[in-house]
């Protein structure tokens, strides 16, 4: 392992969007895509960020960078990044200014069936009831 520490960015999209665009809602699949990308590179995910239209200067994005705990950001794809951040161009500029890489995993999005959408719905709608998502 080469010691590169990665923050994975996922889109925190309301459950109401599940039928129209399940991947935007399915943070578990988004994070898994980022983890797969990181593992393929020999990197390790050290932070998972879930955001919806987060401003590029928000401290949640930069605290671990400033603390020396994050070397790069990865998002599943540009569509998810655009949903997670208020401005991808401003975030990209801030990454460049700070010398932090930004990568996109770029894998195919999963195909969702009625049962897989139901599983996402169950997992996201019952987190306090002890449901573990299995």
N, C-alpha and C. Protein backbone atom coordinates (compact mmCIF):
# COMPACT_ATOMS: atom_id res chain seq x y z
N UNK A 1 0.85 -1.18 0.00
CA UNK A 1 0.00 0.00 0.00
C UNK A 1 0.89 1.23 0.00
N UNK A 2 0.54 2.20 -0.83
CA UNK A 2 1.39 3.37 -0.96
C UNK A 2 1.01 4.51 -0.02
N UNK A 3 0.03 4.33 0.84
CA UNK A 3 -0.29 5.31 1.86
C UNK A 3 -1.12 6.49 1.41
N UNK A 4 -1.67 6.48 0.20
CA UNK A 4 -2.53 7.57 -0.24
C UNK A 4 -3.89 7.43 0.43
N UNK A 5 -4.30 8.49 1.10
CA UNK A 5 -5.56 8.49 1.85
C UNK A 5 -6.62 9.26 1.07
N UNK A 6 -7.78 8.64 0.95
CA UNK A 6 -8.82 9.13 0.05
C UNK A 6 -10.09 9.47 0.82
N UNK A 7 -10.70 10.59 0.44
CA UNK A 7 -12.04 10.93 0.90
C UNK A 7 -13.01 10.65 -0.24
N UNK A 8 -13.99 9.79 0.00
CA UNK A 8 -14.99 9.45 -1.01
C UNK A 8 -16.19 10.37 -0.85
N UNK A 9 -16.61 10.97 -1.94
CA UNK A 9 -17.73 11.90 -1.93
C UNK A 9 -18.96 11.22 -2.52
N UNK A 10 -20.05 11.21 -1.78
CA UNK A 10 -21.32 10.66 -2.24
C UNK A 10 -22.38 11.74 -2.19
N UNK A 11 -23.43 11.53 -2.96
CA UNK A 11 -24.54 12.47 -3.02
C UNK A 11 -25.59 12.12 -1.99
N UNK A 12 -25.93 13.05 -1.16
CA UNK A 12 -26.99 12.87 -0.18
C UNK A 12 -28.28 13.41 -0.80
N UNK A 13 -29.00 12.52 -1.44
CA UNK A 13 -30.20 12.90 -2.19
C UNK A 13 -31.43 12.34 -1.50
N UNK A 14 -32.49 13.11 -1.41
CA UNK A 14 -33.70 12.65 -0.71
C UNK A 14 -34.25 11.34 -1.26
N UNK A 15 -34.78 10.54 -0.38
CA UNK A 15 -35.36 9.24 -0.71
C UNK A 15 -36.47 9.37 -1.75
N UNK A 16 -37.13 10.50 -1.81
CA UNK A 16 -38.21 10.72 -2.77
C UNK A 16 -37.73 10.59 -4.22
N UNK A 17 -36.45 10.72 -4.45
CA UNK A 17 -35.88 10.63 -5.80
C UNK A 17 -35.55 9.20 -6.22
N UNK A 18 -35.82 8.22 -5.35
CA UNK A 18 -35.43 6.83 -5.59
C UNK A 18 -35.98 6.29 -6.91
N UNK A 19 -37.25 6.48 -7.18
CA UNK A 19 -37.82 5.93 -8.41
C UNK A 19 -37.24 6.58 -9.66
N UNK A 20 -37.02 7.88 -9.61
CA UNK A 20 -36.52 8.60 -10.77
C UNK A 20 -35.05 8.41 -11.05
N UNK A 21 -34.24 8.28 -10.02
CA UNK A 21 -32.79 8.16 -10.19
C UNK A 21 -32.19 7.45 -8.99
N UNK A 22 -32.30 6.13 -8.95
CA UNK A 22 -31.90 5.40 -7.75
C UNK A 22 -30.42 5.55 -7.37
N UNK A 23 -29.53 5.68 -8.35
CA UNK A 23 -28.12 5.79 -7.99
C UNK A 23 -27.83 7.06 -7.22
N UNK A 24 -28.54 8.14 -7.52
CA UNK A 24 -28.34 9.39 -6.76
C UNK A 24 -28.68 9.21 -5.29
N UNK A 25 -29.60 8.32 -4.99
CA UNK A 25 -30.07 8.09 -3.62
C UNK A 25 -29.22 7.03 -2.90
N UNK A 26 -28.68 6.10 -3.65
CA UNK A 26 -28.00 4.93 -3.10
C UNK A 26 -26.55 5.25 -2.71
N UNK A 27 -26.39 5.88 -1.55
CA UNK A 27 -25.05 6.25 -1.10
C UNK A 27 -24.16 5.03 -0.88
N UNK A 28 -24.74 3.92 -0.49
CA UNK A 28 -23.93 2.72 -0.28
C UNK A 28 -23.25 2.28 -1.59
N UNK A 29 -23.99 2.27 -2.68
CA UNK A 29 -23.39 1.90 -3.97
C UNK A 29 -22.38 2.95 -4.44
N UNK A 30 -22.68 4.21 -4.17
CA UNK A 30 -21.73 5.27 -4.53
C UNK A 30 -20.41 5.09 -3.78
N UNK A 31 -20.51 4.85 -2.47
CA UNK A 31 -19.30 4.66 -1.66
C UNK A 31 -18.57 3.39 -2.07
N UNK A 32 -19.31 2.35 -2.41
CA UNK A 32 -18.67 1.10 -2.85
C UNK A 32 -17.90 1.31 -4.15
N UNK A 33 -18.44 2.11 -5.05
CA UNK A 33 -17.75 2.41 -6.29
C UNK A 33 -16.43 3.15 -6.01
N UNK A 34 -16.48 4.09 -5.09
CA UNK A 34 -15.27 4.81 -4.70
C UNK A 34 -14.25 3.88 -4.04
N UNK A 35 -14.73 3.00 -3.18
CA UNK A 35 -13.84 2.05 -2.50
C UNK A 35 -13.18 1.11 -3.50
N UNK A 36 -13.94 0.67 -4.49
CA UNK A 36 -13.38 -0.21 -5.53
C UNK A 36 -12.28 0.52 -6.29
N UNK A 37 -12.55 1.78 -6.66
CA UNK A 37 -11.55 2.57 -7.37
C UNK A 37 -10.29 2.72 -6.51
N UNK A 38 -10.47 3.07 -5.25
CA UNK A 38 -9.32 3.26 -4.36
C UNK A 38 -8.52 1.97 -4.22
N UNK A 39 -9.20 0.85 -4.03
CA UNK A 39 -8.51 -0.44 -3.89
C UNK A 39 -7.73 -0.77 -5.16
N UNK A 40 -8.32 -0.49 -6.32
CA UNK A 40 -7.62 -0.75 -7.60
C UNK A 40 -6.34 0.06 -7.71
N UNK A 41 -6.31 1.23 -7.07
CA UNK A 41 -5.13 2.09 -7.10
C UNK A 41 -4.13 1.76 -5.99
N UNK A 42 -4.56 0.92 -5.05
CA UNK A 42 -3.74 0.65 -3.88
C UNK A 42 -3.87 1.71 -2.81
N UNK A 43 -4.98 2.48 -2.85
CA UNK A 43 -5.23 3.54 -1.90
C UNK A 43 -6.21 3.05 -0.84
N UNK A 44 -6.41 3.86 0.17
CA UNK A 44 -7.35 3.50 1.23
C UNK A 44 -8.33 4.65 1.47
N UNK A 45 -9.62 4.30 1.59
CA UNK A 45 -10.64 5.30 1.93
C UNK A 45 -10.54 5.55 3.43
N UNK A 46 -10.28 6.80 3.79
CA UNK A 46 -10.19 7.15 5.21
C UNK A 46 -11.33 8.06 5.65
N UNK A 47 -12.12 8.53 4.68
CA UNK A 47 -13.23 9.42 5.01
C UNK A 47 -14.32 9.24 3.99
N UNK A 48 -15.55 9.13 4.45
CA UNK A 48 -16.71 9.07 3.56
C UNK A 48 -17.54 10.32 3.79
N UNK A 49 -17.71 11.08 2.75
CA UNK A 49 -18.48 12.32 2.82
C UNK A 49 -19.80 12.13 2.07
N UNK A 50 -20.88 12.54 2.67
CA UNK A 50 -22.18 12.53 2.02
C UNK A 50 -22.69 13.97 2.04
N UNK A 51 -22.96 14.50 0.87
CA UNK A 51 -23.30 15.92 0.79
C UNK A 51 -24.38 16.15 -0.26
N UNK A 52 -25.08 17.25 -0.09
CA UNK A 52 -26.08 17.71 -1.07
C UNK A 52 -25.89 19.20 -1.28
N UNK A 53 -25.38 19.54 -2.45
CA UNK A 53 -25.17 20.95 -2.81
C UNK A 53 -24.30 21.69 -1.79
N UNK A 54 -23.29 21.02 -1.29
CA UNK A 54 -22.39 21.60 -0.30
C UNK A 54 -21.50 22.65 -0.95
N UNK A 55 -21.34 23.78 -0.28
CA UNK A 55 -20.47 24.84 -0.79
C UNK A 55 -19.02 24.37 -0.80
N UNK A 56 -18.29 24.81 -1.78
CA UNK A 56 -16.90 24.38 -1.96
C UNK A 56 -15.97 24.80 -0.84
N UNK A 57 -16.35 25.81 -0.08
CA UNK A 57 -15.50 26.26 1.02
C UNK A 57 -15.94 25.70 2.37
N UNK A 58 -16.87 24.77 2.37
CA UNK A 58 -17.39 24.22 3.63
C UNK A 58 -16.30 23.46 4.37
N UNK A 59 -16.22 23.68 5.66
CA UNK A 59 -15.16 23.08 6.47
C UNK A 59 -15.20 21.55 6.47
N UNK A 60 -16.37 20.95 6.24
CA UNK A 60 -16.46 19.49 6.21
C UNK A 60 -15.61 18.90 5.10
N UNK A 61 -15.43 19.64 4.03
CA UNK A 61 -14.60 19.16 2.92
C UNK A 61 -13.11 19.28 3.22
N UNK A 62 -12.72 20.28 3.99
CA UNK A 62 -11.31 20.62 4.09
C UNK A 62 -10.66 20.32 5.43
N UNK A 63 -11.42 19.98 6.45
CA UNK A 63 -10.84 19.74 7.77
C UNK A 63 -9.79 18.63 7.74
N UNK A 64 -10.10 17.52 7.09
CA UNK A 64 -9.13 16.42 7.03
C UNK A 64 -7.96 16.70 6.09
N UNK A 65 -8.20 17.52 5.08
CA UNK A 65 -7.10 17.94 4.21
C UNK A 65 -6.15 18.82 5.01
N UNK A 66 -6.71 19.80 5.71
CA UNK A 66 -5.89 20.70 6.53
C UNK A 66 -5.17 19.94 7.64
N UNK A 67 -5.78 18.88 8.13
CA UNK A 67 -5.16 18.06 9.18
C UNK A 67 -4.17 17.05 8.64
N UNK A 68 -3.96 17.02 7.33
CA UNK A 68 -3.00 16.09 6.73
C UNK A 68 -3.50 14.65 6.67
N UNK A 69 -4.81 14.46 6.76
CA UNK A 69 -5.37 13.11 6.77
C UNK A 69 -5.96 12.67 5.44
N UNK A 70 -6.06 13.58 4.48
CA UNK A 70 -6.62 13.27 3.16
C UNK A 70 -5.65 13.76 2.09
N UNK A 71 -5.39 12.88 1.12
CA UNK A 71 -4.51 13.23 0.01
C UNK A 71 -5.27 13.52 -1.28
N UNK A 72 -6.46 12.92 -1.42
CA UNK A 72 -7.26 13.16 -2.61
C UNK A 72 -8.72 12.85 -2.36
N UNK A 73 -9.56 13.40 -3.23
CA UNK A 73 -10.99 13.15 -3.21
C UNK A 73 -11.33 12.27 -4.40
N UNK A 74 -12.31 11.40 -4.22
CA UNK A 74 -12.85 10.62 -5.33
C UNK A 74 -14.37 10.63 -5.23
N UNK A 75 -15.01 10.74 -6.38
CA UNK A 75 -16.46 10.63 -6.48
C UNK A 75 -16.77 9.55 -7.51
N UNK A 76 -17.93 8.93 -7.42
CA UNK A 76 -18.25 7.88 -8.38
C UNK A 76 -18.22 8.35 -9.83
N UNK A 77 -18.78 9.54 -10.08
CA UNK A 77 -18.77 10.12 -11.43
C UNK A 77 -19.12 11.60 -11.32
N UNK A 78 -19.07 12.28 -12.43
CA UNK A 78 -19.34 13.71 -12.43
C UNK A 78 -20.77 14.06 -12.06
N UNK A 79 -21.69 13.20 -12.38
CA UNK A 79 -23.10 13.44 -12.05
C UNK A 79 -23.32 13.46 -10.54
N UNK A 80 -22.69 12.54 -9.84
CA UNK A 80 -22.80 12.49 -8.39
C UNK A 80 -22.08 13.69 -7.78
N UNK A 81 -20.92 14.02 -8.30
CA UNK A 81 -20.18 15.18 -7.79
C UNK A 81 -21.01 16.45 -7.95
N UNK A 82 -21.69 16.60 -9.08
CA UNK A 82 -22.51 17.78 -9.31
C UNK A 82 -23.70 17.85 -8.36
N UNK A 83 -24.20 16.71 -7.94
CA UNK A 83 -25.30 16.67 -6.98
C UNK A 83 -24.80 16.96 -5.56
N UNK A 84 -23.61 16.50 -5.25
CA UNK A 84 -23.06 16.64 -3.91
C UNK A 84 -22.56 18.06 -3.61
N UNK A 85 -22.09 18.74 -4.63
CA UNK A 85 -21.48 20.05 -4.44
C UNK A 85 -22.29 21.15 -5.11
N UNK A 86 -22.25 22.33 -4.52
CA UNK A 86 -22.95 23.47 -5.10
C UNK A 86 -22.31 23.90 -6.42
N UNK A 87 -20.98 23.78 -6.51
CA UNK A 87 -20.26 24.17 -7.72
C UNK A 87 -19.04 23.27 -7.90
N UNK A 88 -19.11 22.42 -8.89
CA UNK A 88 -17.97 21.53 -9.17
C UNK A 88 -16.76 22.34 -9.61
N UNK A 89 -16.99 23.38 -10.41
CA UNK A 89 -15.85 24.18 -10.89
C UNK A 89 -15.16 24.91 -9.73
N UNK A 90 -15.92 25.42 -8.77
CA UNK A 90 -15.30 26.07 -7.61
C UNK A 90 -14.56 25.06 -6.75
N UNK A 91 -15.13 23.87 -6.58
CA UNK A 91 -14.46 22.82 -5.80
C UNK A 91 -13.18 22.38 -6.50
N UNK A 92 -13.24 22.20 -7.80
CA UNK A 92 -12.05 21.82 -8.57
C UNK A 92 -10.96 22.87 -8.44
N UNK A 93 -11.34 24.13 -8.53
CA UNK A 93 -10.37 25.22 -8.38
C UNK A 93 -9.75 25.21 -6.98
N UNK A 94 -10.58 24.95 -5.96
CA UNK A 94 -10.07 24.90 -4.59
C UNK A 94 -9.13 23.71 -4.40
N UNK A 95 -9.46 22.59 -5.02
CA UNK A 95 -8.56 21.42 -4.96
C UNK A 95 -7.21 21.77 -5.59
N UNK A 96 -7.25 22.40 -6.74
CA UNK A 96 -6.00 22.81 -7.41
C UNK A 96 -5.21 23.78 -6.54
N UNK A 97 -5.90 24.75 -5.96
CA UNK A 97 -5.22 25.74 -5.11
C UNK A 97 -4.54 25.08 -3.92
N UNK A 98 -5.18 24.06 -3.36
CA UNK A 98 -4.65 23.38 -2.18
C UNK A 98 -3.73 22.21 -2.53
N UNK A 99 -3.62 21.89 -3.80
CA UNK A 99 -2.77 20.79 -4.22
C UNK A 99 -3.34 19.41 -3.89
N UNK A 100 -4.67 19.30 -3.91
CA UNK A 100 -5.35 18.04 -3.61
C UNK A 100 -5.95 17.51 -4.91
N UNK A 101 -5.67 16.26 -5.22
CA UNK A 101 -6.23 15.66 -6.43
C UNK A 101 -7.72 15.38 -6.27
N UNK A 102 -8.42 15.43 -7.38
CA UNK A 102 -9.82 15.06 -7.46
C UNK A 102 -9.95 14.05 -8.58
N UNK A 103 -10.50 12.89 -8.29
CA UNK A 103 -10.64 11.82 -9.26
C UNK A 103 -12.09 11.38 -9.36
N UNK A 104 -12.45 10.78 -10.47
CA UNK A 104 -13.76 10.17 -10.66
C UNK A 104 -13.54 8.68 -10.89
N UNK A 105 -14.28 7.85 -10.16
CA UNK A 105 -14.13 6.40 -10.29
C UNK A 105 -14.47 5.95 -11.71
N UNK A 106 -15.58 6.44 -12.23
CA UNK A 106 -15.91 6.20 -13.63
C UNK A 106 -16.41 4.81 -13.98
N UNK A 107 -16.82 4.01 -13.02
CA UNK A 107 -17.38 2.70 -13.32
C UNK A 107 -18.84 2.85 -13.77
N UNK A 108 -19.36 1.81 -14.39
CA UNK A 108 -20.78 1.79 -14.76
C UNK A 108 -21.65 1.86 -13.51
N UNK A 109 -22.70 2.63 -13.59
CA UNK A 109 -23.66 2.66 -12.49
C UNK A 109 -24.42 1.34 -12.45
N UNK A 110 -24.82 0.90 -11.26
CA UNK A 110 -25.59 -0.34 -11.18
C UNK A 110 -26.96 -0.19 -11.84
N UNK A 111 -27.48 -1.31 -12.29
CA UNK A 111 -28.84 -1.35 -12.83
C UNK A 111 -29.76 -1.68 -11.66
N UNK A 112 -30.81 -0.91 -11.53
CA UNK A 112 -31.74 -1.09 -10.41
C UNK A 112 -33.02 -1.77 -10.89
N UNK A 113 -33.41 -2.78 -10.16
CA UNK A 113 -34.67 -3.47 -10.38
C UNK A 113 -35.63 -3.04 -9.27
N UNK A 114 -36.87 -3.46 -9.40
CA UNK A 114 -37.83 -3.15 -8.33
C UNK A 114 -37.36 -3.69 -6.98
N UNK A 115 -36.87 -4.95 -6.90
CA UNK A 115 -36.38 -5.44 -5.60
C UNK A 115 -35.15 -4.68 -5.07
N UNK A 116 -34.24 -4.29 -5.97
CA UNK A 116 -33.07 -3.55 -5.47
C UNK A 116 -33.46 -2.14 -5.01
N UNK A 117 -34.41 -1.50 -5.68
CA UNK A 117 -34.91 -0.21 -5.22
C UNK A 117 -35.59 -0.36 -3.87
N UNK A 118 -36.35 -1.45 -3.71
CA UNK A 118 -37.01 -1.69 -2.43
C UNK A 118 -35.98 -1.88 -1.32
N UNK A 119 -34.88 -2.54 -1.63
CA UNK A 119 -33.81 -2.72 -0.64
C UNK A 119 -33.18 -1.41 -0.23
N UNK A 120 -32.94 -0.53 -1.20
CA UNK A 120 -32.41 0.81 -0.89
C UNK A 120 -33.42 1.57 -0.03
N UNK A 121 -34.68 1.50 -0.41
CA UNK A 121 -35.72 2.19 0.36
C UNK A 121 -35.76 1.70 1.80
N UNK A 122 -35.74 0.38 1.97
CA UNK A 122 -35.77 -0.20 3.33
C UNK A 122 -34.57 0.27 4.15
N UNK A 123 -33.40 0.19 3.54
CA UNK A 123 -32.18 0.56 4.26
C UNK A 123 -32.19 2.02 4.68
N UNK A 124 -32.66 2.89 3.80
CA UNK A 124 -32.62 4.32 4.11
C UNK A 124 -33.79 4.79 4.95
N UNK A 125 -34.90 4.07 4.92
CA UNK A 125 -36.05 4.53 5.67
C UNK A 125 -36.13 3.94 7.07
N UNK A 126 -35.29 2.95 7.39
CA UNK A 126 -35.37 2.32 8.71
C UNK A 126 -34.03 2.30 9.46
N UNK A 127 -33.18 3.30 9.33
CA UNK A 127 -31.89 3.21 9.98
C UNK A 127 -31.95 3.21 11.50
N UNK A 128 -32.96 3.81 12.08
CA UNK A 128 -33.05 3.86 13.54
C UNK A 128 -33.80 2.68 14.12
N UNK A 129 -34.33 1.82 13.26
CA UNK A 129 -35.08 0.65 13.73
C UNK A 129 -34.17 -0.57 13.86
N UNK A 130 -32.87 -0.38 13.72
CA UNK A 130 -31.95 -1.49 13.88
C UNK A 130 -31.68 -2.25 12.61
N UNK A 131 -32.26 -1.84 11.48
CA UNK A 131 -32.03 -2.51 10.22
C UNK A 131 -30.62 -2.21 9.74
N UNK A 132 -29.86 -3.26 9.41
CA UNK A 132 -28.46 -3.06 9.04
C UNK A 132 -28.21 -3.04 7.54
N UNK A 133 -29.24 -3.15 6.75
CA UNK A 133 -29.08 -3.05 5.31
C UNK A 133 -28.76 -4.33 4.60
N UNK A 134 -28.76 -5.44 5.29
CA UNK A 134 -28.44 -6.72 4.65
C UNK A 134 -29.64 -7.29 3.95
